[in-house]
Amino acid sequence: MRILLIEDDAETAPYIVDGLRRAGHVAEHMSDGRDGLIRAAGGDYDVIVVDRMLPGLDGLTIVKMIRSVGVKVPVLFLTARGGIDDRVEGLEAGGDDYLTKPFAFSELMARLGALTRRPPLAQIETVLQVADLEMDLIGHRVKRGGKEIDLQPREFRLLEYLMRNVGRVVTRTMLLEKVWEFHFDPKTKIVETHISRLRAKIGRGAPDLIQTIRGSGYVIRPPS
């Protein structure tokens, strides 16, 4: 791994850099926030480790700024500020993980390894498509043939689950658990009713994409 460490502590930084290099990784170290920002924004790294409190520019600002210019490298915050609000603030700023000091180097390595195994943000699916039916997961919009379809939140979740399993039969029990979070049978026609409404909304004269597999469940797939 190629790792950028932005840390101003005179004892912690050499300890981390030495450990990373002994483990066979390439480690670059910056102790000033502004210098760290320049490296983070322009360098080719697998992961960035950044302290919250830094001279020149704080860690939160660094992460917000690199995210604003499209840098998608995983970021681990390493800091003595371990309160819940601090962790939430770091993650909301664009961080991917948060490790508080003091820490075990083995845990740091495990967390870095986990971050680099995640798919890059650019590879994360944000649009689902079946034939001319398109679902924008970020914008929370659904279109068919270019025309927008207004769905209720539960209808959106139902359609999303079907589209994530395109070509595969999903059972009524699976839908109750994944869409309604029921772990029991409510003994109602809640699934059937929502499927019927969904069909009506995404159909509108076009070929039916949602098929009922008698005795098994439902499947969404392009018309043959």
C-alpha atoms as a PDB file:
ATOM      1  CA  MET A   1       0.000   0.000   0.000  1.00  0.00           C
ATOM      2  CA  ARG A   2       0.993   3.600  -0.609  1.00  0.00           C
ATOM      3  CA  ILE A   3      -0.041   5.529   2.490  1.00  0.00           C
ATOM      4  CA  LEU A   4      -0.035   9.217   3.348  1.00  0.00           C
ATOM      5  CA  LEU A   5       0.205  10.030   7.060  1.00  0.00           C
ATOM      6  CA  ILE A   6      -0.689  13.572   8.153  1.00  0.00           C
ATOM      7  CA  GLU A   7       0.292  13.681  11.817  1.00  0.00           C
ATOM      8  CA  ASP A   8       2.150  16.284  13.875  1.00  0.00           C
ATOM      9  CA  ASP A   9       2.871  14.279  17.019  1.00  0.00           C
ATOM     10  CA  ALA A  10       6.652  13.837  17.220  1.00  0.00           C
ATOM     11  CA  GLU A  11       6.377  10.380  18.829  1.00  0.00           C
ATOM     12  CA  THR A  12       3.337   8.924  17.082  1.00  0.00           C
ATOM     13  CA  ALA A  13       4.343   9.795  13.510  1.00  0.00           C
ATOM     14  CA  PRO A  14       7.776   8.051  13.458  1.00  0.00           C
ATOM     15  CA  TYR A  15       6.255   5.029  15.198  1.00  0.00           C
ATOM     16  CA  ILE A  16       3.578   4.648  12.500  1.00  0.00           C
ATOM     17  CA  VAL A  17       5.899   5.349   9.576  1.00  0.00           C
ATOM     18  CA  ASP A  18       8.465   2.836  10.813  1.00  0.00           C
ATOM     19  CA  GLY A  19       5.816   0.176  11.369  1.00  0.00           C
ATOM     20  CA  LEU A  20       4.283   0.705   7.925  1.00  0.00           C
ATOM     21  CA  ARG A  21       7.643   0.522   6.169  1.00  0.00           C
ATOM     22  CA  ARG A  22       8.651  -2.605   8.081  1.00  0.00           C
ATOM     23  CA  ALA A  23       5.387  -4.160   6.896  1.00  0.00           C
ATOM     24  CA  GLY A  24       6.432  -3.482   3.309  1.00  0.00           C
ATOM     25  CA  HIS A  25       4.322  -0.406   2.592  1.00  0.00           C
ATOM     26  CA  VAL A  26       5.305   2.959   1.147  1.00  0.00           C
ATOM     27  CA  ALA A  27       4.634   5.633   3.761  1.00  0.00           C
ATOM     28  CA  GLU A  28       4.870   9.392   3.279  1.00  0.00           C
ATOM     29  CA  HIS A  29       4.593  11.708   6.248  1.00  0.00           C
ATOM     30  CA  MET A  30       3.494  15.338   6.490  1.00  0.00           C
ATOM     31  CA  SER A  31       3.318  17.139   9.830  1.00  0.00           C
ATOM     32  CA  ASP A  32       1.608  20.340   8.648  1.00  0.00           C
ATOM     33  CA  GLY A  33      -2.032  20.466   7.618  1.00  0.00           C
ATOM     34  CA  ARG A  34      -1.537  22.698   4.584  1.00  0.00           C
ATOM     35  CA  ASP A  35       1.319  20.582   3.244  1.00  0.00           C
ATOM     36  CA  GLY A  36      -0.760  17.484   3.937  1.00  0.00           C
ATOM     37  CA  LEU A  37      -3.670  18.898   1.933  1.00  0.00           C
ATOM     38  CA  ILE A  38      -1.440  19.515  -1.075  1.00  0.00           C
ATOM     39  CA  ARG A  39      -0.112  15.945  -0.965  1.00  0.00           C
ATOM     40  CA  ALA A  40      -3.551  14.437  -0.349  1.00  0.00           C
ATOM     41  CA  ALA A  41      -5.134  16.340  -3.229  1.00  0.00           C
ATOM     42  CA  GLY A  42      -2.394  15.588  -5.725  1.00  0.00           C
ATOM     43  CA  GLY A  43      -0.857  12.283  -4.667  1.00  0.00           C
ATOM     44  CA  ASP A  44      -1.690   8.753  -5.761  1.00  0.00           C
ATOM     45  CA  TYR A  45      -2.377   6.972  -2.465  1.00  0.00           C
ATOM     46  CA  ASP A  46      -4.241   3.851  -1.451  1.00  0.00           C
ATOM     47  CA  VAL A  47      -5.251   5.298   1.895  1.00  0.00           C
ATOM     48  CA  ILE A  48      -4.755   8.489   3.913  1.00  0.00           C
ATOM     49  CA  VAL A  49      -4.333   8.597   7.707  1.00  0.00           C
ATOM     50  CA  VAL A  50      -4.973  12.038   9.163  1.00  0.00           C
ATOM     51  CA  ASP A  51      -4.989  13.525  12.650  1.00  0.00           C
ATOM     52  CA  ARG A  52      -7.876  15.789  13.652  1.00  0.00           C
ATOM     53  CA  MET A  53      -5.788  18.523  15.254  1.00  0.00           C
ATOM     54  CA  LEU A  54      -2.954  19.801  13.053  1.00  0.00           C
ATOM     55  CA  PRO A  55      -0.979  23.021  12.624  1.00  0.00           C
ATOM     56  CA  GLY A  56      -1.864  25.053   9.564  1.00  0.00           C
ATOM     57  CA  LEU A  57      -5.122  23.264   8.735  1.00  0.00           C
ATOM     58  CA  ASP A  58      -7.173  20.823  10.771  1.00  0.00           C
ATOM     59  CA  GLY A  59      -7.928  17.284   9.648  1.00  0.00           C
ATOM     60  CA  LEU A  60     -11.672  17.832   9.134  1.00  0.00           C
ATOM     61  CA  THR A  61     -11.025  20.699   6.743  1.00  0.00           C
ATOM     62  CA  ILE A  62      -8.445  18.660   4.838  1.00  0.00           C
ATOM     63  CA  VAL A  63     -10.892  15.822   4.258  1.00  0.00           C
ATOM     64  CA  LYS A  64     -13.769  18.130   3.315  1.00  0.00           C
ATOM     65  CA  MET A  65     -11.557  19.896   0.779  1.00  0.00           C
ATOM     66  CA  ILE A  66     -10.207  16.765  -0.904  1.00  0.00           C
ATOM     67  CA  ARG A  67     -13.715  15.330  -1.129  1.00  0.00           C
ATOM     68  CA  SER A  68     -14.952  18.557  -2.702  1.00  0.00           C
ATOM     69  CA  VAL A  69     -12.440  18.192  -5.541  1.00  0.00           C
ATOM     70  CA  GLY A  70     -13.266  14.552  -6.169  1.00  0.00           C
ATOM     71  CA  VAL A  71     -10.521  12.707  -4.257  1.00  0.00           C
ATOM     72  CA  LYS A  72     -12.047   9.345  -3.328  1.00  0.00           C
ATOM     73  CA  VAL A  73      -9.092   7.782  -1.479  1.00  0.00           C
ATOM     74  CA  PRO A  74     -10.209   6.091   1.784  1.00  0.00           C
ATOM     75  CA  VAL A  75      -9.455   8.229   4.849  1.00  0.00           C
ATOM     76  CA  LEU A  76      -8.856   7.056   8.401  1.00  0.00           C
ATOM     77  CA  PHE A  77      -9.022   9.645  11.177  1.00  0.00           C
ATOM     78  CA  LEU A  78      -6.467   8.982  13.929  1.00  0.00           C
ATOM     79  CA  THR A  79      -7.024  11.183  16.968  1.00  0.00           C
ATOM     80  CA  ALA A  80      -7.325  11.466  20.716  1.00  0.00           C
ATOM     81  CA  ARG A  81     -10.823  12.930  20.316  1.00  0.00           C
ATOM     82  CA  GLY A  82     -12.925   9.801  20.672  1.00  0.00           C
ATOM     83  CA  GLY A  83     -16.359  11.095  21.665  1.00  0.00           C
ATOM     84  CA  ILE A  84     -19.413  10.000  19.696  1.00  0.00           C
ATOM     85  CA  ASP A  85     -19.961  13.514  18.349  1.00  0.00           C
ATOM     86  CA  ASP A  86     -16.320  13.662  17.251  1.00  0.00           C
ATOM     87  CA  ARG A  87     -16.596  10.364  15.382  1.00  0.00           C
ATOM     88  CA  VAL A  88     -19.845  11.373  13.716  1.00  0.00           C
ATOM     89  CA  GLU A  89     -18.335  14.708  12.701  1.00  0.00           C
ATOM     90  CA  GLY A  90     -15.333  12.961  11.162  1.00  0.00           C
ATOM     91  CA  LEU A  91     -17.435  10.511   9.191  1.00  0.00           C
ATOM     92  CA  GLU A  92     -19.793  13.220   7.979  1.00  0.00           C
ATOM     93  CA  ALA A  93     -16.803  15.246   6.785  1.00  0.00           C
ATOM     94  CA  GLY A  94     -15.937  12.401   4.418  1.00  0.00           C
ATOM     95  CA  GLY A  95     -13.847  10.064   6.556  1.00  0.00           C
ATOM     96  CA  ASP A  96     -14.243   6.316   6.161  1.00  0.00           C
ATOM     97  CA  ASP A  97     -13.039   5.133   9.563  1.00  0.00           C
ATOM     98  CA  TYR A  98     -12.012   6.518  12.949  1.00  0.00           C
ATOM     99  CA  LEU A  99      -9.370   5.177  15.344  1.00  0.00           C
ATOM    100  CA  THR A 100      -8.724   6.809  18.713  1.00  0.00           C
ATOM    101  CA  LYS A 101      -5.412   7.177  20.518  1.00  0.00           C
ATOM    102  CA  PRO A 102      -3.862   5.280  22.196  1.00  0.00           C
ATOM    103  CA  PHE A 103      -4.168   2.455  19.678  1.00  0.00           C
ATOM    104  CA  ALA A 104      -2.590  -0.893  18.868  1.00  0.00           C
ATOM    105  CA  PHE A 105      -0.563  -0.880  15.656  1.00  0.00           C
ATOM    106  CA  SER A 106      -2.085  -4.247  14.707  1.00  0.00           C
ATOM    107  CA  GLU A 107      -5.555  -2.673  14.806  1.00  0.00           C
ATOM    108  CA  LEU A 108      -4.375   0.230  12.674  1.00  0.00           C
ATOM    109  CA  MET A 109      -3.048  -2.210  10.077  1.00  0.00           C
ATOM    110  CA  ALA A 110      -6.271  -4.229  10.143  1.00  0.00           C
ATOM    111  CA  ARG A 111      -8.373  -1.119   9.600  1.00  0.00           C
ATOM    112  CA  LEU A 112      -6.165   0.103   6.752  1.00  0.00           C
ATOM    113  CA  GLY A 113      -6.389  -3.309   5.121  1.00  0.00           C
ATOM    114  CA  ALA A 114     -10.183  -3.275   5.426  1.00  0.00           C
ATOM    115  CA  LEU A 115     -10.401   0.199   3.873  1.00  0.00           C
ATOM    116  CA  THR A 116      -8.298  -0.744   0.862  1.00  0.00           C
ATOM    117  CA  ARG A 117     -10.443  -3.821   0.238  1.00  0.00           C
ATOM    118  CA  ARG A 118     -13.551  -1.682  -0.167  1.00  0.00           C
ATOM    119  CA  PRO A 119     -14.575  -0.919  -3.748  1.00  0.00           C
ATOM    120  CA  PRO A 120     -13.673   2.614  -4.875  1.00  0.00           C
ATOM    121  CA  LEU A 121     -16.583   5.047  -4.673  1.00  0.00           C
ATOM    122  CA  ALA A 122     -16.599   5.305  -8.431  1.00  0.00           C
ATOM    123  CA  GLN A 123     -17.403   1.577  -8.634  1.00  0.00           C
ATOM    124  CA  ILE A 124     -20.296   1.659  -6.205  1.00  0.00           C
ATOM    125  CA  GLU A 125     -23.570   1.232  -8.054  1.00  0.00           C
ATOM    126  CA  THR A 126     -25.718   4.368  -7.947  1.00  0.00           C
ATOM    127  CA  VAL A 127     -28.063   3.625 -10.846  1.00  0.00           C
ATOM    128  CA  LEU A 128     -30.066   0.437 -11.376  1.00  0.00           C
ATOM    129  CA  GLN A 129     -31.555  -0.370 -14.772  1.00  0.00           C
ATOM    130  CA  VAL A 130     -33.848  -3.049 -16.174  1.00  0.00           C
ATOM    131  CA  ALA A 131     -34.777  -2.517 -19.833  1.00  0.00           C
ATOM    132  CA  ASP A 132     -36.006   1.108 -20.034  1.00  0.00           C
ATOM    133  CA  LEU A 133     -36.690   1.312 -16.274  1.00  0.00           C
ATOM    134  CA  GLU A 134     -34.044   3.333 -14.448  1.00  0.00           C
ATOM    135  CA  MET A 135     -33.603   3.966 -10.719  1.00  0.00           C
ATOM    136  CA  ASP A 136     -31.316   6.733  -9.456  1.00  0.00           C
ATOM    137  CA  LEU A 137     -30.337   5.696  -5.922  1.00  0.00           C
ATOM    138  CA  ILE A 138     -28.687   9.034  -5.113  1.00  0.00           C
ATOM    139  CA  GLY A 139     -31.417  11.300  -6.477  1.00  0.00           C
ATOM    140  CA  HIS A 140     -34.128   8.883  -5.309  1.00  0.00           C
ATOM    141  CA  ARG A 141     -35.838   9.033  -8.703  1.00  0.00           C
ATOM    142  CA  VAL A 142     -37.353   6.426 -10.993  1.00  0.00           C
ATOM    143  CA  LYS A 143     -37.911   6.812 -14.731  1.00  0.00           C
ATOM    144  CA  ARG A 144     -39.263   4.573 -17.432  1.00  0.00           C
ATOM    145  CA  GLY A 145     -38.752   5.498 -21.038  1.00  0.00           C
ATOM    146  CA  GLY A 146     -37.434   8.855 -19.820  1.00  0.00           C
ATOM    147  CA  LYS A 147     -40.655   9.686 -17.941  1.00  0.00           C
ATOM    148  CA  GLU A 148     -40.420  10.174 -14.192  1.00  0.00           C
ATOM    149  CA  ILE A 149     -42.518   7.933 -11.941  1.00  0.00           C
ATOM    150  CA  ASP A 150     -43.678   9.082  -8.516  1.00  0.00           C
ATOM    151  CA  LEU A 151     -43.214   6.324  -5.937  1.00  0.00           C
ATOM    152  CA  GLN A 152     -43.936   6.234  -2.237  1.00  0.00           C
ATOM    153  CA  PRO A 153     -40.936   5.371   0.009  1.00  0.00           C
ATOM    154  CA  ARG A 154     -42.057   1.763   0.524  1.00  0.00           C
ATOM    155  CA  GLU A 155     -42.712   1.322  -3.196  1.00  0.00           C
ATOM    156  CA  PHE A 156     -39.227   2.656  -3.912  1.00  0.00           C
ATOM    157  CA  ARG A 157     -37.672   0.153  -1.490  1.00  0.00           C
ATOM    158  CA  LEU A 158     -39.690  -2.682  -2.988  1.00  0.00           C
ATOM    159  CA  LEU A 159     -38.651  -1.807  -6.525  1.00  0.00           C
ATOM    160  CA  GLU A 160     -35.027  -1.332  -5.470  1.00  0.00           C
ATOM    161  CA  TYR A 161     -34.921  -4.806  -3.934  1.00  0.00           C
ATOM    162  CA  LEU A 162     -36.430  -6.350  -7.049  1.00  0.00           C
ATOM    163  CA  MET A 163     -34.001  -4.499  -9.321  1.00  0.00           C
ATOM    164  CA  ARG A 164     -31.000  -5.483  -7.209  1.00  0.00           C
ATOM    165  CA  ASN A 165     -32.093  -9.072  -7.775  1.00  0.00           C
ATOM    166  CA  VAL A 166     -32.924  -8.766 -11.464  1.00  0.00           C
ATOM    167  CA  GLY A 167     -33.597 -12.153 -13.034  1.00  0.00           C
ATOM    168  CA  ARG A 168     -33.819 -13.887  -9.629  1.00  0.00           C
ATOM    169  CA  VAL A 169     -37.027 -14.998  -7.963  1.00  0.00           C
ATOM    170  CA  VAL A 170     -37.617 -13.306  -4.603  1.00  0.00           C
ATOM    171  CA  THR A 171     -40.115 -14.837  -2.234  1.00  0.00           C
ATOM    172  CA  ARG A 172     -42.837 -13.136  -0.234  1.00  0.00           C
ATOM    173  CA  THR A 173     -40.886 -13.902   2.951  1.00  0.00           C
ATOM    174  CA  MET A 174     -37.769 -12.251   1.534  1.00  0.00           C
ATOM    175  CA  LEU A 175     -39.738  -9.125   0.666  1.00  0.00           C
ATOM    176  CA  LEU A 176     -41.360  -8.970   4.112  1.00  0.00           C
ATOM    177  CA  GLU A 177     -37.908  -9.131   5.743  1.00  0.00           C
ATOM    178  CA  LYS A 178     -35.957  -6.845   3.413  1.00  0.00           C
ATOM    179  CA  VAL A 179     -38.591  -4.239   2.548  1.00  0.00           C
ATOM    180  CA  TRP A 180     -40.851  -4.185   5.605  1.00  0.00           C
ATOM    181  CA  GLU A 181     -38.355  -5.581   8.141  1.00  0.00           C
ATOM    182  CA  PHE A 182     -40.960  -8.090   9.305  1.00  0.00           C
ATOM    183  CA  HIS A 183     -39.624 -11.350  10.709  1.00  0.00           C
ATOM    184  CA  PHE A 184     -43.097 -12.847  10.890  1.00  0.00           C
ATOM    185  CA  ASP A 185     -46.044 -13.230   8.551  1.00  0.00           C
ATOM    186  CA  PRO A 186     -48.540 -10.399   9.198  1.00  0.00           C
ATOM    187  CA  LYS A 187     -51.266 -12.513   7.556  1.00  0.00           C
ATOM    188  CA  THR A 188     -52.237  -9.685   5.222  1.00  0.00           C
ATOM    189  CA  LYS A 189     -51.906  -9.046   1.495  1.00  0.00           C
ATOM    190  CA  ILE A 190     -49.446  -6.198   2.060  1.00  0.00           C
ATOM    191  CA  VAL A 191     -46.903  -7.598  -0.418  1.00  0.00           C
ATOM    192  CA  GLU A 192     -49.465  -8.406  -3.079  1.00  0.00           C
ATOM    193  CA  THR A 193     -51.083  -4.976  -2.736  1.00  0.00           C
ATOM    194  CA  HIS A 194     -47.783  -3.110  -3.116  1.00  0.00           C
ATOM    195  CA  ILE A 195     -46.707  -5.277  -6.063  1.00  0.00           C
ATOM    196  CA  SER A 196     -50.011  -4.479  -7.775  1.00  0.00           C
ATOM    197  CA  ARG A 197     -49.571  -0.727  -7.211  1.00  0.00           C
ATOM    198  CA  LEU A 198     -45.971  -0.877  -8.385  1.00  0.00           C
ATOM    199  CA  ARG A 199     -46.946  -2.712 -11.559  1.00  0.00           C
ATOM    200  CA  ALA A 200     -49.565  -0.085 -12.316  1.00  0.00           C
ATOM    201  CA  LYS A 201     -47.132   2.785 -11.810  1.00  0.00           C
ATOM    202  CA  ILE A 202     -44.237   1.421 -13.855  1.00  0.00           C
ATOM    203  CA  GLY A 203     -46.462  -0.198 -16.481  1.00  0.00           C
ATOM    204  CA  ARG A 204     -48.666   2.473 -18.048  1.00  0.00           C
ATOM    205  CA  GLY A 205     -49.071   0.603 -21.306  1.00  0.00           C
ATOM    206  CA  ALA A 206     -45.480  -0.655 -21.452  1.00  0.00           C
ATOM    207  CA  PRO A 207     -44.539  -4.349 -21.187  1.00  0.00           C
ATOM    208  CA  ASP A 208     -44.833  -5.697 -17.650  1.00  0.00           C
ATOM    209  CA  LEU A 209     -41.403  -6.119 -16.066  1.00  0.00           C
ATOM    210  CA  ILE A 210     -42.562  -7.674 -12.774  1.00  0.00           C
ATOM    211  CA  GLN A 211     -43.726 -11.247 -13.118  1.00  0.00           C
ATOM    212  CA  THR A 212     -45.452 -13.461 -10.570  1.00  0.00           C
ATOM    213  CA  ILE A 213     -43.976 -16.932 -10.278  1.00  0.00           C
ATOM    214  CA  ARG A 214     -46.890 -18.945  -8.936  1.00  0.00           C
ATOM    215  CA  GLY A 215     -46.039 -20.699  -5.684  1.00  0.00           C
ATOM    216  CA  SER A 216     -42.599 -19.063  -5.500  1.00  0.00           C
ATOM    217  CA  GLY A 217     -42.650 -15.246  -5.554  1.00  0.00           C
ATOM    218  CA  TYR A 218     -41.771 -12.457  -7.956  1.00  0.00           C
ATOM    219  CA  VAL A 219     -39.070 -11.649 -10.465  1.00  0.00           C
ATOM    220  CA  ILE A 220     -38.205  -8.519 -12.417  1.00  0.00           C
ATOM    221  CA  ARG A 221     -36.563  -8.953 -15.796  1.00  0.00           C
ATOM    222  CA  PRO A 222     -36.544  -7.400 -19.267  1.00  0.00           C
ATOM    223  CA  PRO A 223     -39.355  -8.528 -21.572  1.00  0.00           C
ATOM    224  CA  SER A 224     -38.334 -11.365 -23.866  1.00  0.00           C
END
